[in-house]
Amino acid sequence: MPSLLDHIRSAKTDFLFFSQTICPYCTRAARTLEAKQLTYTEINLDHYDGLRSQVVIETGHRTVPVVFDLRGELPVFVGGSDNLIDYL
């Protein structure tokens, strides 16, 4: 199973976010990025056993989406959809 760091390293987009099926806040994060014409990679945690707990351990963020800005040299943990809106 790919790790959190593997997903971050493999994303070739402006942002990466972890989501789950039927998540209105995840949809809101995607629409926010699209409105700003920023590219993103979405990883659905429902398809990766154990990845959700790894994301929670690494970020302390227990809800989805879990958003990272990948535009700089180092990834920046943004938070959830409200944090993303404030961040942008």
C-alpha atoms as a PDB file:
ATOM      1  CA  MET A   1       0.000   0.000   0.000  1.00  0.00           C
ATOM      2  CA  PRO A   2       1.383   3.428  -0.905  1.00  0.00           C
ATOM      3  CA  SER A   3       2.133   5.628   2.101  1.00  0.00           C
ATOM      4  CA  LEU A   4       1.072   9.234   2.647  1.00  0.00           C
ATOM      5  CA  LEU A   5       4.534  10.347   1.553  1.00  0.00           C
ATOM      6  CA  ASP A   6       4.348   8.163  -1.580  1.00  0.00           C
ATOM      7  CA  HIS A   7       1.096   9.871  -2.584  1.00  0.00           C
ATOM      8  CA  ILE A   8       2.569  13.316  -1.957  1.00  0.00           C
ATOM      9  CA  ARG A   9       5.699  12.513  -3.971  1.00  0.00           C
ATOM     10  CA  SER A  10       3.783  11.018  -6.896  1.00  0.00           C
ATOM     11  CA  ALA A  11       1.279  13.875  -7.315  1.00  0.00           C
ATOM     12  CA  LYS A  12       2.261  16.165 -10.164  1.00  0.00           C
ATOM     13  CA  THR A  13      -0.399  18.776  -9.427  1.00  0.00           C
ATOM     14  CA  ASP A  14      -0.720  22.014  -7.446  1.00  0.00           C
ATOM     15  CA  PHE A  15      -2.657  20.362  -4.616  1.00  0.00           C
ATOM     16  CA  LEU A  16      -3.315  16.894  -3.240  1.00  0.00           C
ATOM     17  CA  PHE A  17      -6.275  16.030  -1.092  1.00  0.00           C
ATOM     18  CA  PHE A  18      -7.562  12.934   0.587  1.00  0.00           C
ATOM     19  CA  SER A  19     -11.305  12.391   0.404  1.00  0.00           C
ATOM     20  CA  GLN A  20     -14.007   9.820   1.033  1.00  0.00           C
ATOM     21  CA  THR A  21     -17.069   8.818  -0.950  1.00  0.00           C
ATOM     22  CA  ILE A  22     -20.144  11.026  -0.440  1.00  0.00           C
ATOM     23  CA  CYS A  23     -18.338  13.942   1.183  1.00  0.00           C
ATOM     24  CA  PRO A  24     -19.810  17.385   0.460  1.00  0.00           C
ATOM     25  CA  TYR A  25     -16.743  19.097   1.930  1.00  0.00           C
ATOM     26  CA  CYS A  26     -14.509  17.151  -0.469  1.00  0.00           C
ATOM     27  CA  THR A  27     -16.677  18.296  -3.377  1.00  0.00           C
ATOM     28  CA  ARG A  28     -16.399  21.850  -2.065  1.00  0.00           C
ATOM     29  CA  ALA A  29     -12.588  21.579  -1.927  1.00  0.00           C
ATOM     30  CA  ALA A  30     -12.469  20.305  -5.506  1.00  0.00           C
ATOM     31  CA  ARG A  31     -14.763  23.096  -6.741  1.00  0.00           C
ATOM     32  CA  THR A  32     -12.705  25.711  -4.888  1.00  0.00           C
ATOM     33  CA  LEU A  33      -9.498  24.524  -6.557  1.00  0.00           C
ATOM     34  CA  GLU A  34     -11.188  24.353  -9.965  1.00  0.00           C
ATOM     35  CA  ALA A  35     -12.553  27.895  -9.553  1.00  0.00           C
ATOM     36  CA  LYS A  36      -8.996  29.112  -8.871  1.00  0.00           C
ATOM     37  CA  GLN A  37      -7.758  27.125 -11.902  1.00  0.00           C
ATOM     38  CA  LEU A  38      -5.463  25.039  -9.714  1.00  0.00           C
ATOM     39  CA  THR A  39      -4.760  21.406 -10.483  1.00  0.00           C
ATOM     40  CA  TYR A  40      -5.282  18.705  -7.887  1.00  0.00           C
ATOM     41  CA  THR A  41      -4.965  15.017  -7.248  1.00  0.00           C
ATOM     42  CA  GLU A  42      -7.732  13.425  -5.205  1.00  0.00           C
ATOM     43  CA  ILE A  43      -7.069  10.217  -3.280  1.00  0.00           C
ATOM     44  CA  ASN A  44     -10.216   8.485  -2.012  1.00  0.00           C
ATOM     45  CA  LEU A  45      -9.383   6.903   1.352  1.00  0.00           C
ATOM     46  CA  ASP A  46     -12.163   4.351   0.858  1.00  0.00           C
ATOM     47  CA  HIS A  47      -9.910   2.594  -1.676  1.00  0.00           C
ATOM     48  CA  TYR A  48      -6.810   2.271   0.546  1.00  0.00           C
ATOM     49  CA  ASP A  49      -6.990   0.152   3.709  1.00  0.00           C
ATOM     50  CA  GLY A  50      -5.044   1.763   6.540  1.00  0.00           C
ATOM     51  CA  LEU A  51      -4.230   5.004   4.744  1.00  0.00           C
ATOM     52  CA  ARG A  52      -6.798   7.023   6.674  1.00  0.00           C
ATOM     53  CA  SER A  53      -5.176   6.180  10.016  1.00  0.00           C
ATOM     54  CA  GLN A  54      -1.772   7.027   8.583  1.00  0.00           C
ATOM     55  CA  VAL A  55      -3.069  10.431   7.418  1.00  0.00           C
ATOM     56  CA  VAL A  56      -4.594  11.104  10.868  1.00  0.00           C
ATOM     57  CA  ILE A  57      -1.353  10.126  12.632  1.00  0.00           C
ATOM     58  CA  GLU A  58       0.772  12.333  10.368  1.00  0.00           C
ATOM     59  CA  THR A  59      -1.508  15.394  10.282  1.00  0.00           C
ATOM     60  CA  GLY A  60      -3.721  15.155  13.370  1.00  0.00           C
ATOM     61  CA  HIS A  61      -6.626  15.990  11.048  1.00  0.00           C
ATOM     62  CA  ARG A  62      -9.490  13.535  11.607  1.00  0.00           C
ATOM     63  CA  THR A  63     -11.981  14.662   8.953  1.00  0.00           C
ATOM     64  CA  VAL A  64     -11.882  14.805   5.173  1.00  0.00           C
ATOM     65  CA  PRO A  65     -10.768  16.436   3.032  1.00  0.00           C
ATOM     66  CA  VAL A  66      -7.135  16.579   4.084  1.00  0.00           C
ATOM     67  CA  VAL A  67      -5.487  19.094   1.771  1.00  0.00           C
ATOM     68  CA  PHE A  68      -1.818  19.656   0.902  1.00  0.00           C
ATOM     69  CA  ASP A  69      -0.353  22.478  -1.190  1.00  0.00           C
ATOM     70  CA  LEU A  70       2.369  20.989  -3.400  1.00  0.00           C
ATOM     71  CA  ARG A  71       3.395  24.150  -5.245  1.00  0.00           C
ATOM     72  CA  GLY A  72       6.510  24.890  -3.180  1.00  0.00           C
ATOM     73  CA  GLU A  73       9.686  22.934  -2.550  1.00  0.00           C
ATOM     74  CA  LEU A  74       8.078  21.244   0.444  1.00  0.00           C
ATOM     75  CA  PRO A  75       4.432  20.198   0.763  1.00  0.00           C
ATOM     76  CA  VAL A  76       2.303  22.385   3.038  1.00  0.00           C
ATOM     77  CA  PHE A  77      -0.494  20.821   5.078  1.00  0.00           C
ATOM     78  CA  VAL A  78      -3.484  23.139   4.621  1.00  0.00           C
ATOM     79  CA  GLY A  79      -6.224  21.325   6.558  1.00  0.00           C
ATOM     80  CA  GLY A  80      -9.853  20.851   5.496  1.00  0.00           C
ATOM     81  CA  SER A  81     -12.115  22.670   3.050  1.00  0.00           C
ATOM     82  CA  ASP A  82     -12.682  25.712   5.309  1.00  0.00           C
ATOM     83  CA  ASN A  83      -8.920  25.976   5.816  1.00  0.00           C
ATOM     84  CA  LEU A  84      -8.418  25.731   2.049  1.00  0.00           C
ATOM     85  CA  ILE A  85     -10.819  28.593   1.364  1.00  0.00           C
ATOM     86  CA  ASP A  86      -9.044  30.762   3.957  1.00  0.00           C
ATOM     87  CA  TYR A  87      -5.628  29.689   2.609  1.00  0.00           C
ATOM     88  CA  LEU A  88      -6.426  30.686  -0.954  1.00  0.00           C
END
